[in-house]
Amino acid sequence: MHRVNIIAEYGNKTEKDIEITVGSLLLVQQDSGSISTLALQPYLITTSNYVKKITASYGSNIAYALLIKNREDVFVTIASDHTDPDAERCNLISGKHTYPKVIARRAWSLDSVEDHWDSIELRNMAIINDEKKIAQQLMGRELPQPSIVLEMIEDTMEEPRNMIIIVERRVMPEDYVASNYYEISIIDNANKRSIEHYYWVD
């Protein structure tokens, strides 16, 4: 089984090492008000700082990840849907399986951010033309709420556990951000904290 280890921060500022045995990986996409889901192979999830370039076409789309150990232990962190846009044009699921989905090694307990989710900020920085720029920036209110995503999942399974859900806004293949370096972050302005993760593509 594929395993992911993170450091989880709770609302009282305590931290705990968490290991999730990833039994399922789900991609949730919002597109013009509708929400769709796509099951992916669990081995695609990674906390690495390095992604191997295997195709000429590749790019990143900013997202957040819900890490579900069990009903009581649900965490949220920043994510990048790294993919092959050209392959997606031919077959969406094939394109999504070309590259790993990158998440940070730190996460927050969902209940510590859920009551102010709309003000949570997601940011994707990339090196473009030799300059680091903000390539994508979203607020929590622009993405499906974690509570809505969890309700969807609970409608299809009795008790979600050992799963990771990547939640994003669907973008057209030509809108993916192509770079050899990314810095993704989730910012909790209300509590003056953030989680960052970087990775190289080579």
N, C-alpha and C. Protein backbone atom coordinates (compact mmCIF):
# COMPACT_ATOMS: atom_id res chain seq x y z
N MET A 1 0.84 -1.20 0.00
CA MET A 1 0.00 0.00 0.00
C MET A 1 0.88 1.25 0.00
N HIS A 2 0.41 2.28 -0.68
CA HIS A 2 1.14 3.55 -0.74
C HIS A 2 0.89 4.33 0.55
N ARG A 3 1.95 4.89 1.12
CA ARG A 3 1.82 5.63 2.37
C ARG A 3 2.33 7.05 2.22
N VAL A 4 1.68 7.97 2.94
CA VAL A 4 2.09 9.36 2.97
C VAL A 4 2.24 9.78 4.43
N ASN A 5 3.36 10.42 4.74
CA ASN A 5 3.61 10.91 6.10
C ASN A 5 3.61 12.43 6.11
N ILE A 6 2.86 13.00 7.03
CA ILE A 6 2.76 14.45 7.15
C ILE A 6 2.90 14.86 8.62
N ILE A 7 3.17 16.15 8.83
CA ILE A 7 3.10 16.74 10.16
C ILE A 7 1.81 17.55 10.21
N ALA A 8 0.92 17.17 11.10
CA ALA A 8 -0.39 17.82 11.20
C ALA A 8 -0.40 18.81 12.36
N GLU A 9 -0.91 20.01 12.08
CA GLU A 9 -1.04 21.04 13.11
C GLU A 9 -2.52 21.19 13.46
N TYR A 10 -2.80 21.15 14.74
CA TYR A 10 -4.17 21.28 15.21
C TYR A 10 -4.46 22.72 15.64
N GLY A 11 -5.71 22.99 15.93
CA GLY A 11 -6.12 24.35 16.27
C GLY A 11 -5.46 24.90 17.50
N ASN A 12 -5.06 24.03 18.42
CA ASN A 12 -4.39 24.48 19.65
C ASN A 12 -2.87 24.57 19.49
N LYS A 13 -2.41 24.53 18.22
CA LYS A 13 -0.99 24.67 17.86
C LYS A 13 -0.16 23.42 18.15
N THR A 14 -0.77 22.36 18.66
CA THR A 14 -0.02 21.13 18.84
C THR A 14 0.20 20.47 17.48
N GLU A 15 1.29 19.70 17.38
CA GLU A 15 1.62 19.02 16.14
C GLU A 15 1.74 17.52 16.38
N LYS A 16 1.46 16.77 15.32
CA LYS A 16 1.48 15.32 15.43
C LYS A 16 1.90 14.72 14.10
N ASP A 17 2.77 13.71 14.15
CA ASP A 17 3.13 12.98 12.93
C ASP A 17 1.99 12.04 12.56
N ILE A 18 1.55 12.12 11.32
CA ILE A 18 0.43 11.32 10.84
C ILE A 18 0.88 10.50 9.63
N GLU A 19 0.57 9.23 9.63
CA GLU A 19 0.79 8.39 8.45
C GLU A 19 -0.56 7.95 7.89
N ILE A 20 -0.74 8.18 6.60
CA ILE A 20 -1.97 7.77 5.93
C ILE A 20 -1.63 6.69 4.92
N THR A 21 -2.25 5.55 5.07
CA THR A 21 -2.14 4.49 4.07
C THR A 21 -3.17 4.78 2.99
N VAL A 22 -2.71 5.25 1.85
CA VAL A 22 -3.62 5.78 0.83
C VAL A 22 -4.28 4.64 0.07
N GLY A 23 -5.52 4.36 0.46
CA GLY A 23 -6.28 3.32 -0.23
C GLY A 23 -6.95 3.83 -1.48
N SER A 24 -7.23 5.15 -1.52
CA SER A 24 -7.86 5.73 -2.72
C SER A 24 -7.46 7.19 -2.86
N LEU A 25 -7.37 7.61 -4.11
CA LEU A 25 -7.04 8.99 -4.47
C LEU A 25 -8.12 9.49 -5.42
N LEU A 26 -8.71 10.62 -5.08
CA LEU A 26 -9.83 11.15 -5.86
C LEU A 26 -9.52 12.59 -6.27
N LEU A 27 -9.80 12.91 -7.52
CA LEU A 27 -9.68 14.28 -8.01
C LEU A 27 -11.07 14.86 -8.16
N VAL A 28 -11.31 15.99 -7.50
CA VAL A 28 -12.60 16.69 -7.58
C VAL A 28 -12.37 17.98 -8.34
N GLN A 29 -13.14 18.19 -9.40
CA GLN A 29 -12.99 19.37 -10.25
C GLN A 29 -14.29 20.17 -10.29
N GLN A 30 -14.14 21.48 -10.15
CA GLN A 30 -15.28 22.39 -10.33
C GLN A 30 -15.19 23.02 -11.71
N ASP A 31 -16.29 22.96 -12.44
CA ASP A 31 -16.31 23.48 -13.81
C ASP A 31 -17.65 24.14 -14.06
N SER A 32 -17.65 25.48 -14.12
CA SER A 32 -18.88 26.25 -14.41
C SER A 32 -20.02 25.88 -13.47
N GLY A 33 -19.70 25.74 -12.19
CA GLY A 33 -20.74 25.48 -11.20
C GLY A 33 -21.00 24.02 -10.93
N SER A 34 -20.64 23.14 -11.83
CA SER A 34 -20.82 21.70 -11.61
C SER A 34 -19.55 21.10 -11.02
N ILE A 35 -19.70 19.99 -10.33
CA ILE A 35 -18.58 19.31 -9.69
C ILE A 35 -18.50 17.88 -10.21
N SER A 36 -17.32 17.49 -10.66
CA SER A 36 -17.12 16.13 -11.15
C SER A 36 -16.00 15.47 -10.36
N THR A 37 -15.97 14.15 -10.37
CA THR A 37 -14.94 13.40 -9.66
C THR A 37 -14.26 12.41 -10.60
N LEU A 38 -13.00 12.15 -10.31
CA LEU A 38 -12.21 11.22 -11.12
C LEU A 38 -11.32 10.41 -10.18
N ALA A 39 -11.44 9.10 -10.23
CA ALA A 39 -10.60 8.24 -9.40
C ALA A 39 -9.23 8.07 -10.05
N LEU A 40 -8.18 8.23 -9.24
CA LEU A 40 -6.80 8.08 -9.71
C LEU A 40 -6.10 6.99 -8.92
N GLN A 41 -5.00 6.49 -9.47
CA GLN A 41 -4.22 5.49 -8.76
C GLN A 41 -3.55 6.13 -7.53
N PRO A 42 -3.67 5.50 -6.35
CA PRO A 42 -3.11 6.09 -5.13
C PRO A 42 -1.62 6.39 -5.19
N TYR A 43 -0.86 5.63 -5.98
CA TYR A 43 0.60 5.83 -6.03
C TYR A 43 0.99 7.18 -6.62
N LEU A 44 0.04 7.90 -7.22
CA LEU A 44 0.35 9.19 -7.84
C LEU A 44 0.63 10.29 -6.83
N ILE A 45 0.18 10.12 -5.60
CA ILE A 45 0.35 11.19 -4.61
C ILE A 45 1.79 11.19 -4.09
N THR A 46 2.37 12.39 -3.95
CA THR A 46 3.76 12.49 -3.50
C THR A 46 3.98 13.78 -2.71
N THR A 47 4.96 13.73 -1.81
CA THR A 47 5.41 14.94 -1.10
C THR A 47 6.83 15.32 -1.55
N SER A 48 7.25 14.80 -2.67
CA SER A 48 8.61 15.01 -3.16
C SER A 48 8.84 16.47 -3.58
N ASN A 49 10.10 16.86 -3.63
CA ASN A 49 10.49 18.17 -4.16
C ASN A 49 11.02 18.06 -5.58
N TYR A 50 10.77 16.92 -6.20
CA TYR A 50 11.31 16.68 -7.54
C TYR A 50 10.31 15.88 -8.36
N VAL A 51 10.02 16.35 -9.57
CA VAL A 51 9.17 15.62 -10.52
C VAL A 51 9.97 15.41 -11.79
N LYS A 52 10.03 14.18 -12.24
CA LYS A 52 10.77 13.85 -13.45
C LYS A 52 9.97 14.23 -14.68
N LYS A 53 10.60 15.02 -15.56
CA LYS A 53 9.95 15.40 -16.81
C LYS A 53 10.04 14.24 -17.79
N ILE A 54 8.88 13.73 -18.21
CA ILE A 54 8.88 12.58 -19.12
C ILE A 54 8.16 12.89 -20.44
N THR A 55 7.54 14.06 -20.53
CA THR A 55 6.87 14.46 -21.77
C THR A 55 7.20 15.92 -22.06
N ALA A 56 7.06 16.32 -23.31
CA ALA A 56 7.32 17.72 -23.67
C ALA A 56 6.26 18.64 -23.09
N SER A 57 5.05 18.12 -22.94
CA SER A 57 3.93 18.90 -22.42
C SER A 57 3.71 18.57 -20.95
N TYR A 58 3.71 19.60 -20.10
CA TYR A 58 3.40 19.39 -18.68
C TYR A 58 2.99 20.73 -18.08
N GLY A 59 2.34 20.68 -16.93
CA GLY A 59 1.94 21.91 -16.27
C GLY A 59 1.33 21.64 -14.91
N SER A 60 1.08 22.72 -14.17
CA SER A 60 0.55 22.64 -12.81
C SER A 60 -0.75 23.41 -12.70
N ASN A 61 -1.67 22.89 -11.90
CA ASN A 61 -2.89 23.60 -11.54
C ASN A 61 -3.02 23.57 -10.03
N ILE A 62 -3.17 24.74 -9.41
CA ILE A 62 -3.22 24.83 -7.95
C ILE A 62 -4.49 24.16 -7.42
N ALA A 63 -4.36 23.54 -6.24
CA ALA A 63 -5.48 22.82 -5.65
C ALA A 63 -5.26 22.73 -4.14
N TYR A 64 -6.28 22.25 -3.44
CA TYR A 64 -6.05 21.87 -2.04
C TYR A 64 -6.32 20.38 -1.91
N ALA A 65 -5.74 19.79 -0.88
CA ALA A 65 -5.90 18.35 -0.65
C ALA A 65 -6.54 18.10 0.70
N LEU A 66 -7.52 17.21 0.71
CA LEU A 66 -8.09 16.71 1.95
C LEU A 66 -7.48 15.34 2.22
N LEU A 67 -6.87 15.20 3.39
CA LEU A 67 -6.25 13.94 3.78
C LEU A 67 -7.11 13.32 4.87
N ILE A 68 -7.73 12.21 4.55
CA ILE A 68 -8.70 11.59 5.45
C ILE A 68 -8.12 10.30 6.02
N LYS A 69 -7.73 10.35 7.28
CA LYS A 69 -7.27 9.13 7.95
C LYS A 69 -8.47 8.33 8.44
N ASN A 70 -9.41 9.04 9.06
CA ASN A 70 -10.69 8.47 9.46
C ASN A 70 -11.66 9.63 9.66
N ARG A 71 -12.85 9.34 10.15
CA ARG A 71 -13.86 10.39 10.28
C ARG A 71 -13.42 11.52 11.21
N GLU A 72 -12.63 11.20 12.22
CA GLU A 72 -12.21 12.21 13.19
C GLU A 72 -10.95 12.96 12.74
N ASP A 73 -10.11 12.31 11.98
CA ASP A 73 -8.84 12.91 11.58
C ASP A 73 -8.86 13.26 10.10
N VAL A 74 -9.26 14.52 9.81
CA VAL A 74 -9.30 15.03 8.44
C VAL A 74 -8.42 16.28 8.40
N PHE A 75 -7.52 16.33 7.43
CA PHE A 75 -6.55 17.41 7.35
C PHE A 75 -6.60 18.06 5.97
N VAL A 76 -6.09 19.28 5.89
CA VAL A 76 -6.08 20.01 4.62
C VAL A 76 -4.69 20.59 4.39
N THR A 77 -4.26 20.57 3.14
CA THR A 77 -2.97 21.16 2.78
C THR A 77 -3.01 21.63 1.34
N ILE A 78 -1.89 22.19 0.88
CA ILE A 78 -1.79 22.70 -0.48
C ILE A 78 -1.40 21.55 -1.42
N ALA A 79 -1.82 21.68 -2.68
CA ALA A 79 -1.54 20.62 -3.66
C ALA A 79 -1.34 21.22 -5.05
N SER A 80 -0.67 20.45 -5.89
CA SER A 80 -0.50 20.80 -7.29
C SER A 80 -0.93 19.61 -8.14
N ASP A 81 -1.90 19.85 -9.01
CA ASP A 81 -2.28 18.82 -9.99
C ASP A 81 -1.31 18.94 -11.16
N HIS A 82 -0.20 18.21 -11.06
CA HIS A 82 0.79 18.22 -12.14
C HIS A 82 0.34 17.22 -13.19
N THR A 83 0.35 17.63 -14.45
CA THR A 83 -0.29 16.80 -15.47
C THR A 83 0.31 17.06 -16.85
N ASP A 84 -0.14 16.30 -17.82
CA ASP A 84 0.26 16.47 -19.22
C ASP A 84 -0.94 17.01 -19.99
N PRO A 85 -0.98 18.32 -20.27
CA PRO A 85 -2.14 18.90 -20.95
C PRO A 85 -2.41 18.31 -22.33
N ASP A 86 -1.36 18.01 -23.09
CA ASP A 86 -1.57 17.43 -24.42
C ASP A 86 -2.23 16.06 -24.32
N ALA A 87 -1.79 15.26 -23.36
CA ALA A 87 -2.40 13.94 -23.17
C ALA A 87 -3.85 14.08 -22.72
N GLU A 88 -4.15 15.11 -21.91
CA GLU A 88 -5.52 15.32 -21.47
C GLU A 88 -6.46 15.62 -22.64
N ARG A 89 -5.94 16.28 -23.66
CA ARG A 89 -6.77 16.57 -24.83
C ARG A 89 -7.26 15.29 -25.50
N CYS A 90 -6.44 14.26 -25.44
CA CYS A 90 -6.80 12.97 -26.05
C CYS A 90 -7.63 12.12 -25.10
N ASN A 91 -7.20 12.08 -23.84
CA ASN A 91 -7.89 11.26 -22.85
C ASN A 91 -7.60 11.82 -21.46
N LEU A 92 -8.63 12.32 -20.79
CA LEU A 92 -8.44 13.01 -19.51
C LEU A 92 -7.76 12.11 -18.48
N ILE A 93 -8.25 10.91 -18.32
CA ILE A 93 -7.70 10.05 -17.26
C ILE A 93 -6.26 9.63 -17.57
N SER A 94 -5.94 9.46 -18.85
CA SER A 94 -4.55 9.13 -19.21
C SER A 94 -3.62 10.30 -18.90
N GLY A 95 -4.07 11.52 -19.23
CA GLY A 95 -3.27 12.70 -18.94
C GLY A 95 -3.02 12.87 -17.46
N LYS A 96 -4.04 12.61 -16.64
CA LYS A 96 -3.90 12.77 -15.20
C LYS A 96 -2.94 11.75 -14.59
N HIS A 97 -2.76 10.61 -15.26
CA HIS A 97 -1.88 9.57 -14.74
C HIS A 97 -0.44 9.69 -15.23
N THR A 98 -0.15 10.72 -16.02
CA THR A 98 1.21 10.86 -16.56
C THR A 98 2.19 11.36 -15.50
N TYR A 99 1.70 12.23 -14.60
CA TYR A 99 2.58 12.84 -13.59
C TYR A 99 1.97 12.70 -12.19
N PRO A 100 2.81 12.78 -11.15
CA PRO A 100 2.30 12.70 -9.78
C PRO A 100 1.55 13.95 -9.37
N LYS A 101 0.76 13.82 -8.32
CA LYS A 101 0.06 14.93 -7.70
C LYS A 101 0.83 15.30 -6.43
N VAL A 102 1.30 16.53 -6.38
CA VAL A 102 2.23 16.95 -5.32
C VAL A 102 1.47 17.61 -4.18
N ILE A 103 1.75 17.19 -2.95
CA ILE A 103 1.19 17.84 -1.77
C ILE A 103 2.32 18.19 -0.81
N ALA A 104 2.02 19.12 0.11
CA ALA A 104 3.01 19.53 1.11
C ALA A 104 3.16 18.47 2.19
N ARG A 105 4.25 18.57 2.95
CA ARG A 105 4.51 17.62 4.03
C ARG A 105 3.87 18.06 5.34
N ARG A 106 3.28 19.25 5.34
CA ARG A 106 2.58 19.74 6.52
C ARG A 106 1.11 19.92 6.17
N ALA A 107 0.26 19.85 7.19
CA ALA A 107 -1.18 20.02 6.98
C ALA A 107 -1.81 20.60 8.25
N TRP A 108 -3.00 21.14 8.09
CA TRP A 108 -3.78 21.63 9.24
C TRP A 108 -4.98 20.73 9.44
N SER A 109 -5.41 20.61 10.68
CA SER A 109 -6.68 19.93 10.92
C SER A 109 -7.78 20.74 10.25
N LEU A 110 -8.70 20.06 9.58
CA LEU A 110 -9.74 20.77 8.84
C LEU A 110 -10.59 21.63 9.75
N ASP A 111 -10.86 21.16 10.96
CA ASP A 111 -11.74 21.94 11.84
C ASP A 111 -11.09 23.24 12.31
N SER A 112 -9.78 23.41 12.11
CA SER A 112 -9.12 24.66 12.51
C SER A 112 -9.25 25.75 11.46
N VAL A 113 -9.74 25.41 10.26
CA VAL A 113 -9.89 26.41 9.19
C VAL A 113 -11.29 26.44 8.59
N GLU A 114 -12.11 25.47 8.93
CA GLU A 114 -13.40 25.31 8.25
C GLU A 114 -14.32 26.51 8.44
N ASP A 115 -14.27 27.15 9.62
CA ASP A 115 -15.21 28.25 9.88
C ASP A 115 -14.82 29.54 9.17
N HIS A 116 -13.61 29.61 8.59
CA HIS A 116 -13.22 30.80 7.82
C HIS A 116 -12.60 30.39 6.48
N TRP A 117 -13.11 29.30 5.93
CA TRP A 117 -12.54 28.76 4.70
C TRP A 117 -12.55 29.77 3.55
N ASP A 118 -13.57 30.59 3.46
CA ASP A 118 -13.68 31.54 2.34
C ASP A 118 -12.47 32.47 2.26
N SER A 119 -11.83 32.75 3.39
CA SER A 119 -10.69 33.67 3.40
C SER A 119 -9.34 32.97 3.25
N ILE A 120 -9.36 31.65 3.15
CA ILE A 120 -8.12 30.90 2.91
C ILE A 120 -7.62 31.22 1.50
N GLU A 121 -6.31 31.39 1.36
CA GLU A 121 -5.73 31.75 0.06
C GLU A 121 -4.81 30.63 -0.44
N LEU A 122 -4.92 30.33 -1.72
CA LEU A 122 -4.05 29.36 -2.38
C LEU A 122 -3.23 30.08 -3.43
N ARG A 123 -1.93 29.78 -3.47
CA ARG A 123 -1.05 30.51 -4.38
C ARG A 123 -0.07 29.56 -5.06
N ASN A 124 0.15 29.80 -6.34
CA ASN A 124 1.10 29.02 -7.13
C ASN A 124 2.11 29.98 -7.74
N MET A 125 3.35 29.92 -7.25
CA MET A 125 4.44 30.72 -7.80
C MET A 125 5.25 29.84 -8.75
N ALA A 126 5.70 30.43 -9.85
CA ALA A 126 6.48 29.67 -10.82
C ALA A 126 7.54 30.57 -11.44
N ILE A 127 8.63 29.96 -11.85
CA ILE A 127 9.65 30.70 -12.59
C ILE A 127 9.23 30.75 -14.05
N ILE A 128 8.97 31.97 -14.52
CA ILE A 128 8.54 32.20 -15.90
C ILE A 128 9.46 33.26 -16.49
N ASN A 129 10.11 32.93 -17.58
CA ASN A 129 11.09 33.85 -18.21
C ASN A 129 12.15 34.29 -17.20
N ASP A 130 12.65 33.33 -16.43
CA ASP A 130 13.73 33.55 -15.46
C ASP A 130 13.32 34.45 -14.29
N GLU A 131 12.03 34.61 -14.08
CA GLU A 131 11.55 35.44 -12.97
C GLU A 131 10.45 34.70 -12.23
N LYS A 132 10.55 34.71 -10.88
CA LYS A 132 9.51 34.06 -10.09
C LYS A 132 8.28 34.95 -10.00
N LYS A 133 7.14 34.41 -10.43
CA LYS A 133 5.91 35.20 -10.49
C LYS A 133 4.76 34.41 -9.89
N ILE A 134 3.71 35.15 -9.49
CA ILE A 134 2.47 34.50 -9.09
C ILE A 134 1.77 34.04 -10.35
N ALA A 135 1.68 32.73 -10.53
CA ALA A 135 1.04 32.17 -11.72
C ALA A 135 -0.45 31.94 -11.50
N GLN A 136 -0.82 31.59 -10.27
CA GLN A 136 -2.22 31.36 -9.92
C GLN A 136 -2.46 31.83 -8.49
N GLN A 137 -3.64 32.36 -8.25
CA GLN A 137 -4.01 32.79 -6.90
C GLN A 137 -5.52 32.66 -6.76
N LEU A 138 -5.95 31.89 -5.77
CA LEU A 138 -7.37 31.65 -5.55
C LEU A 138 -7.71 31.82 -4.08
N MET A 139 -8.95 32.18 -3.81
CA MET A 139 -9.47 32.20 -2.45
C MET A 139 -10.30 30.93 -2.23
N GLY A 140 -10.42 30.53 -0.98
CA GLY A 140 -11.17 29.33 -0.67
C GLY A 140 -12.58 29.34 -1.22
N ARG A 141 -13.21 30.51 -1.24
CA ARG A 141 -14.59 30.61 -1.73
C ARG A 141 -14.71 30.33 -3.22
N GLU A 142 -13.59 30.33 -3.94
CA GLU A 142 -13.62 30.06 -5.38
C GLU A 142 -13.53 28.57 -5.71
N LEU A 143 -13.40 27.75 -4.69
CA LEU A 143 -13.31 26.30 -4.85
C LEU A 143 -14.43 25.62 -4.07
N PRO A 144 -14.77 24.39 -4.40
CA PRO A 144 -15.77 23.67 -3.62
C PRO A 144 -15.38 23.61 -2.14
N GLN A 145 -16.33 23.91 -1.27
CA GLN A 145 -16.07 23.88 0.16
C GLN A 145 -15.71 22.47 0.62
N PRO A 146 -14.76 22.34 1.54
CA PRO A 146 -14.43 21.00 2.06
C PRO A 146 -15.65 20.25 2.58
N SER A 147 -16.56 20.95 3.25
CA SER A 147 -17.75 20.27 3.79
C SER A 147 -18.61 19.68 2.68
N ILE A 148 -18.71 20.40 1.55
CA ILE A 148 -19.49 19.90 0.41
C ILE A 148 -18.82 18.67 -0.20
N VAL A 149 -17.50 18.74 -0.33
CA VAL A 149 -16.75 17.60 -0.87
C VAL A 149 -16.92 16.37 0.01
N LEU A 150 -16.81 16.56 1.32
CA LEU A 150 -16.95 15.43 2.24
C LEU A 150 -18.36 14.85 2.20
N GLU A 151 -19.37 15.71 2.07
CA GLU A 151 -20.75 15.21 1.95
C GLU A 151 -20.91 14.35 0.70
N MET A 152 -20.30 14.79 -0.40
CA MET A 152 -20.35 14.00 -1.64
C MET A 152 -19.74 12.62 -1.42
N ILE A 153 -18.61 12.58 -0.75
CA ILE A 153 -17.92 11.31 -0.53
C ILE A 153 -18.73 10.42 0.40
N GLU A 154 -19.29 11.00 1.44
CA GLU A 154 -20.05 10.21 2.41
C GLU A 154 -21.33 9.64 1.80
N ASP A 155 -21.80 10.25 0.71
CA ASP A 155 -22.97 9.71 0.01
C ASP A 155 -22.65 8.44 -0.75
N THR A 156 -21.35 8.21 -1.01
CA THR A 156 -20.97 7.05 -1.81
C THR A 156 -20.28 5.96 -1.00
N MET A 157 -19.87 6.27 0.23
CA MET A 157 -19.24 5.25 1.07
C MET A 157 -19.64 5.46 2.51
N GLU A 158 -19.70 4.36 3.25
CA GLU A 158 -20.22 4.41 4.61
C GLU A 158 -19.33 5.23 5.53
N GLU A 159 -18.04 5.01 5.47
CA GLU A 159 -17.12 5.75 6.34
C GLU A 159 -15.80 5.99 5.61
N PRO A 160 -15.62 7.20 5.06
CA PRO A 160 -14.37 7.49 4.35
C PRO A 160 -13.16 7.36 5.28
N ARG A 161 -12.13 6.71 4.81
CA ARG A 161 -10.89 6.59 5.57
C ARG A 161 -9.76 6.25 4.61
N ASN A 162 -8.55 6.61 5.02
CA ASN A 162 -7.35 6.29 4.24
C ASN A 162 -7.47 6.73 2.78
N MET A 163 -7.88 7.98 2.60
CA MET A 163 -8.01 8.50 1.24
C MET A 163 -7.53 9.94 1.17
N ILE A 164 -7.15 10.36 -0.03
CA ILE A 164 -6.75 11.74 -0.28
C ILE A 164 -7.60 12.26 -1.43
N ILE A 165 -8.10 13.48 -1.27
CA ILE A 165 -8.93 14.11 -2.28
C ILE A 165 -8.25 15.41 -2.72
N ILE A 166 -7.98 15.53 -4.01
CA ILE A 166 -7.42 16.75 -4.59
C ILE A 166 -8.58 17.56 -5.16
N VAL A 167 -8.71 18.82 -4.73
CA VAL A 167 -9.85 19.66 -5.13
C VAL A 167 -9.33 20.87 -5.91
N GLU A 168 -9.85 21.06 -7.11
CA GLU A 168 -9.35 22.14 -7.97
C GLU A 168 -10.47 22.71 -8.83
N ARG A 169 -10.17 23.85 -9.45
CA ARG A 169 -11.00 24.37 -10.53
C ARG A 169 -10.47 23.82 -11.83
N ARG A 170 -11.35 23.31 -12.64
CA ARG A 170 -10.88 22.76 -13.92
C ARG A 170 -10.42 23.88 -14.83
N VAL A 171 -9.27 23.68 -15.47
CA VAL A 171 -8.75 24.66 -16.42
C VAL A 171 -8.57 23.97 -17.77
N MET A 172 -8.57 24.76 -18.82
CA MET A 172 -8.32 24.22 -20.15
C MET A 172 -6.85 23.81 -20.26
N PRO A 173 -6.55 22.83 -21.11
CA PRO A 173 -5.16 22.37 -21.23
C PRO A 173 -4.16 23.49 -21.49
N GLU A 174 -4.56 24.49 -22.26
CA GLU A 174 -3.62 25.58 -22.58
C GLU A 174 -3.40 26.53 -21.40
N ASP A 175 -4.19 26.40 -20.33
CA ASP A 175 -4.07 27.30 -19.19
C ASP A 175 -3.21 26.74 -18.05
N TYR A 176 -2.71 25.52 -18.19
CA TYR A 176 -1.81 24.99 -17.18
C TYR A 176 -0.51 25.81 -17.16
N VAL A 177 0.05 25.96 -15.98
CA VAL A 177 1.27 26.75 -15.80
C VAL A 177 2.49 25.85 -16.03
N ALA A 178 3.27 26.15 -17.06
CA ALA A 178 4.46 25.35 -17.37
C ALA A 178 5.70 26.05 -16.83
N SER A 179 6.50 25.34 -16.04
CA SER A 179 7.72 25.89 -15.45
C SER A 179 8.60 24.73 -15.00
N ASN A 180 9.86 25.03 -14.72
CA ASN A 180 10.72 23.98 -14.15
C ASN A 180 10.82 24.11 -12.63
N TYR A 181 10.08 25.10 -12.05
CA TYR A 181 10.11 25.30 -10.60
C TYR A 181 8.78 25.88 -10.14
N TYR A 182 8.23 25.28 -9.07
CA TYR A 182 6.96 25.74 -8.51
C TYR A 182 7.07 25.90 -7.00
N GLU A 183 6.42 26.94 -6.48
CA GLU A 183 6.22 27.10 -5.03
C GLU A 183 4.72 27.22 -4.80
N ILE A 184 4.15 26.23 -4.13
CA ILE A 184 2.72 26.25 -3.85
C ILE A 184 2.51 26.54 -2.37
N SER A 185 1.47 27.28 -2.05
CA SER A 185 1.24 27.64 -0.65
C SER A 185 -0.24 27.81 -0.36
N ILE A 186 -0.60 27.53 0.88
CA ILE A 186 -1.94 27.79 1.39
C ILE A 186 -1.78 28.72 2.58
N ILE A 187 -2.54 29.81 2.60
CA ILE A 187 -2.34 30.89 3.57
C ILE A 187 -3.61 31.08 4.39
N ASP A 188 -3.45 31.00 5.69
CA ASP A 188 -4.54 31.22 6.64
C ASP A 188 -4.34 32.61 7.24
N ASN A 189 -4.93 33.61 6.59
CA ASN A 189 -4.74 34.99 7.04
C ASN A 189 -5.32 35.24 8.43
N ALA A 190 -6.40 34.55 8.76
CA ALA A 190 -7.05 34.76 10.06
C ALA A 190 -6.14 34.36 11.21
N ASN A 191 -5.36 33.31 11.03
CA ASN A 191 -4.47 32.83 12.08
C ASN A 191 -3.00 33.12 11.81
N LYS A 192 -2.75 33.92 10.74
CA LYS A 192 -1.39 34.35 10.40
C LYS A 192 -0.42 33.17 10.32
N ARG A 193 -0.75 32.23 9.46
CA ARG A 193 0.11 31.07 9.25
C ARG A 193 -0.02 30.61 7.80
N SER A 194 0.93 29.81 7.38
CA SER A 194 0.90 29.32 6.00
C SER A 194 1.65 28.00 5.91
N ILE A 195 1.39 27.28 4.85
CA ILE A 195 2.11 26.06 4.51
C ILE A 195 2.66 26.24 3.10
N GLU A 196 3.95 25.99 2.93
CA GLU A 196 4.57 26.12 1.61
C GLU A 196 5.22 24.80 1.21
N HIS A 197 5.30 24.61 -0.08
CA HIS A 197 6.01 23.45 -0.63
C HIS A 197 6.55 23.84 -1.99
N TYR A 198 7.76 23.40 -2.29
CA TYR A 198 8.33 23.69 -3.61
C TYR A 198 8.71 22.39 -4.29
N TYR A 199 8.76 22.43 -5.61
CA TYR A 199 9.30 21.28 -6.34
C TYR A 199 9.86 21.71 -7.69
N TRP A 200 10.88 20.96 -8.11
CA TRP A 200 11.53 21.17 -9.40
C TRP A 200 11.04 20.15 -10.41
N VAL A 201 11.06 20.53 -11.67
CA VAL A 201 10.75 19.62 -12.77
C VAL A 201 11.99 19.54 -13.66
N ASP A 202 12.50 18.34 -13.83
CA ASP A 202 13.75 18.20 -14.60
C ASP A 202 13.78 16.84 -15.31
